[in-house]
Protein backbone atom coordinates (compact mmCIF):
# COMPACT_ATOMS: atom_id res chain seq x y z
CA MET A 1 -7.74 -34.68 -24.80
CA ARG A 2 -10.00 -34.85 -21.75
CA ARG A 3 -6.94 -34.42 -19.53
CA VAL A 4 -5.80 -31.24 -21.28
CA LEU A 5 -9.25 -29.81 -21.00
CA MET A 6 -9.52 -30.50 -17.28
CA PHE A 7 -6.21 -29.05 -16.90
CA VAL A 8 -7.36 -25.82 -18.78
CA VAL A 9 -10.29 -25.54 -16.58
CA VAL A 10 -8.45 -25.99 -13.30
CA ILE A 11 -5.96 -23.45 -14.38
CA MET A 12 -8.64 -20.80 -15.32
CA LEU A 13 -10.65 -21.49 -11.99
CA LEU A 14 -7.32 -20.88 -10.12
CA ALA A 15 -6.42 -17.59 -12.06
CA ALA A 16 -10.01 -16.48 -11.49
CA ALA A 17 -9.71 -17.04 -8.02
CA GLY A 18 -6.33 -15.53 -7.65
CA LEU A 19 -7.65 -12.28 -9.54
CA ALA A 20 -10.76 -12.19 -7.11
CA VAL A 21 -8.34 -11.98 -3.90
CA ALA A 22 -5.55 -9.92 -5.53
CA ALA A 23 -8.07 -7.43 -6.87
CA ASN A 24 -8.65 -5.74 -3.66
CA PRO A 25 -7.18 -7.45 -0.69
CA ASP A 26 -7.51 -6.46 2.93
CA ALA A 27 -4.45 -4.20 3.99
CA PRO A 28 -2.57 -5.96 6.83
CA LYS A 29 -2.50 -4.17 10.11
CA SER A 30 0.78 -5.56 11.33
CA THR A 31 1.64 -2.70 13.83
CA PRO A 32 -0.48 -0.79 16.46
CA GLU A 33 -0.16 2.20 14.27
CA LEU A 34 -1.47 0.62 11.17
CA LYS A 35 -4.43 -0.91 13.23
CA GLN A 36 -5.35 2.63 14.65
CA ILE A 37 -4.89 4.65 11.50
CA ILE A 38 -6.24 2.16 8.82
CA SER A 39 -9.36 1.62 11.08
CA ALA A 40 -9.96 5.36 11.11
CA GLY A 41 -12.37 5.17 7.96
CA LYS A 42 -10.05 7.51 5.94
CA LYS A 43 -7.82 6.70 2.87
CA THR A 44 -4.54 6.10 4.37
CA LEU A 45 -1.08 6.31 2.67
CA VAL A 46 1.04 3.64 4.18
CA PHE A 47 4.74 4.93 3.85
CA PHE A 48 7.69 2.51 4.25
CA LEU A 49 10.79 4.12 4.64
CA ASN A 50 14.27 4.38 5.98
CA PRO A 51 14.37 7.86 7.77
CA GLN A 52 17.96 8.27 7.15
CA GLY A 53 17.82 7.66 3.50
CA GLY A 54 17.83 10.52 1.08
CA PRO A 55 15.08 9.10 -1.32
CA CYS A 56 13.06 8.45 1.78
CA ARG A 57 13.36 12.02 2.95
CA ALA A 58 12.59 13.48 -0.48
CA GLN A 59 9.40 11.23 -0.68
CA ASN A 60 8.47 12.51 2.85
CA GLU A 61 8.67 16.14 1.74
CA ILE A 62 6.29 15.39 -1.18
CA VAL A 63 3.85 13.50 1.24
CA GLN A 64 4.00 16.16 3.80
CA LYS A 65 3.29 19.00 1.28
CA LEU A 66 0.37 16.97 -0.38
CA GLN A 67 -1.09 16.43 3.23
CA LYS A 68 -0.79 20.07 3.86
CA ASP A 69 -2.31 21.21 0.51
CA ARG A 70 -5.18 18.49 0.83
CA LYS A 71 -5.99 19.57 4.33
CA SER A 72 -5.17 16.23 5.87
CA ASN A 73 -8.27 14.37 3.93
CA PHE A 74 -6.14 11.08 4.23
CA ASN A 75 -3.93 9.64 6.87
CA VAL A 76 -0.32 8.76 6.66
CA ALA A 77 0.92 5.71 8.38
CA TYR A 78 4.79 5.64 8.77
CA VAL A 79 6.49 2.16 8.73
CA SER A 80 10.22 2.30 9.53
CA THR A 81 13.13 0.36 9.12
CA MET A 82 14.31 2.06 12.36
CA ASN A 83 11.36 0.60 14.48
CA PRO A 84 12.00 -3.20 15.27
CA ALA A 85 8.15 -3.48 15.90
CA ASP A 86 7.42 -2.66 12.16
CA GLN A 87 9.38 -5.47 10.71
CA LYS A 88 6.48 -7.69 10.32
CA ALA A 89 4.63 -5.19 8.17
CA PHE A 90 7.60 -5.11 5.77
CA TYR A 91 7.09 -8.80 5.33
CA ASP A 92 3.11 -8.79 5.25
CA TYR A 93 3.19 -6.18 2.59
CA GLY A 94 6.03 -7.77 0.57
CA VAL A 95 8.38 -4.45 0.68
CA ARG A 96 11.83 -4.99 -0.28
CA SER A 97 12.86 -1.76 -1.73
CA LEU A 98 12.27 1.83 -0.32
CA PRO A 99 10.95 4.28 -0.28
CA GLN A 100 7.46 2.25 -0.83
CA LEU A 101 4.11 3.65 -0.59
CA VAL A 102 0.91 1.60 -0.46
CA LEU A 103 -2.70 3.42 -0.68
CA VAL A 104 -5.35 1.87 1.49
CA ASP A 105 -9.04 2.87 1.03
CA GLY A 106 -11.50 3.99 3.51
CA LYS A 107 -12.68 0.46 3.79
CA GLY A 108 -9.18 -0.91 4.70
CA LYS A 109 -8.55 -2.38 1.33
CA ILE A 110 -5.34 -2.13 -0.58
CA ALA A 111 -6.40 0.38 -3.33
CA HIS A 112 -3.16 0.91 -5.05
CA PHE A 113 0.44 -0.37 -4.51
CA PHE A 114 2.90 1.93 -5.93
CA PRO A 115 6.21 0.80 -7.35
CA PRO A 116 9.20 1.47 -5.31
CA GLY A 117 10.93 4.71 -5.53
CA ILE A 118 10.02 8.38 -5.34
CA GLN A 119 6.42 9.13 -6.48
CA SER A 120 5.57 12.54 -7.63
CA TYR A 121 3.20 14.82 -6.10
CA GLU A 122 0.92 14.55 -9.12
CA THR A 123 1.02 10.68 -9.19
CA LEU A 124 -0.16 10.64 -5.67
CA THR A 125 -2.93 13.18 -6.31
CA ILE A 126 -4.35 11.10 -8.98
CA ALA A 127 -4.25 7.98 -7.03
CA LEU A 128 -6.06 9.75 -4.04
CA ASP A 129 -8.54 11.31 -6.32
CA GLY A 130 -9.21 7.82 -7.96
CA THR A 131 -9.68 6.02 -4.56
CA LYS A 132 -13.01 6.37 -2.34
């Protein structure tokens, strides 16, 4: 009984520690562009893409329209499959499917990790409005 109780306590502590870390981790700054843009103090949309892919081009049109409509009140950092220097960022963020968007708040913390695929204008607007 004592072992079971100890096991449960250890599991609960590990789970709590994992939630604390996963709740709002620092955004990796794996490339010079990410270091510069995320450090600017504004919200940043990190956009992982293959510039030749149709879904990525469609997502880019949505992101560009949103940035124009919101008068650039957030930054966009492009991380491309075509740039060998960007490879580390794909691993650091755990990106395996494209397009992939990650919203970083003004303090450099990951605020929202969008599911892979095209995100709508409305979805991005809601996420940006809900992030400081």
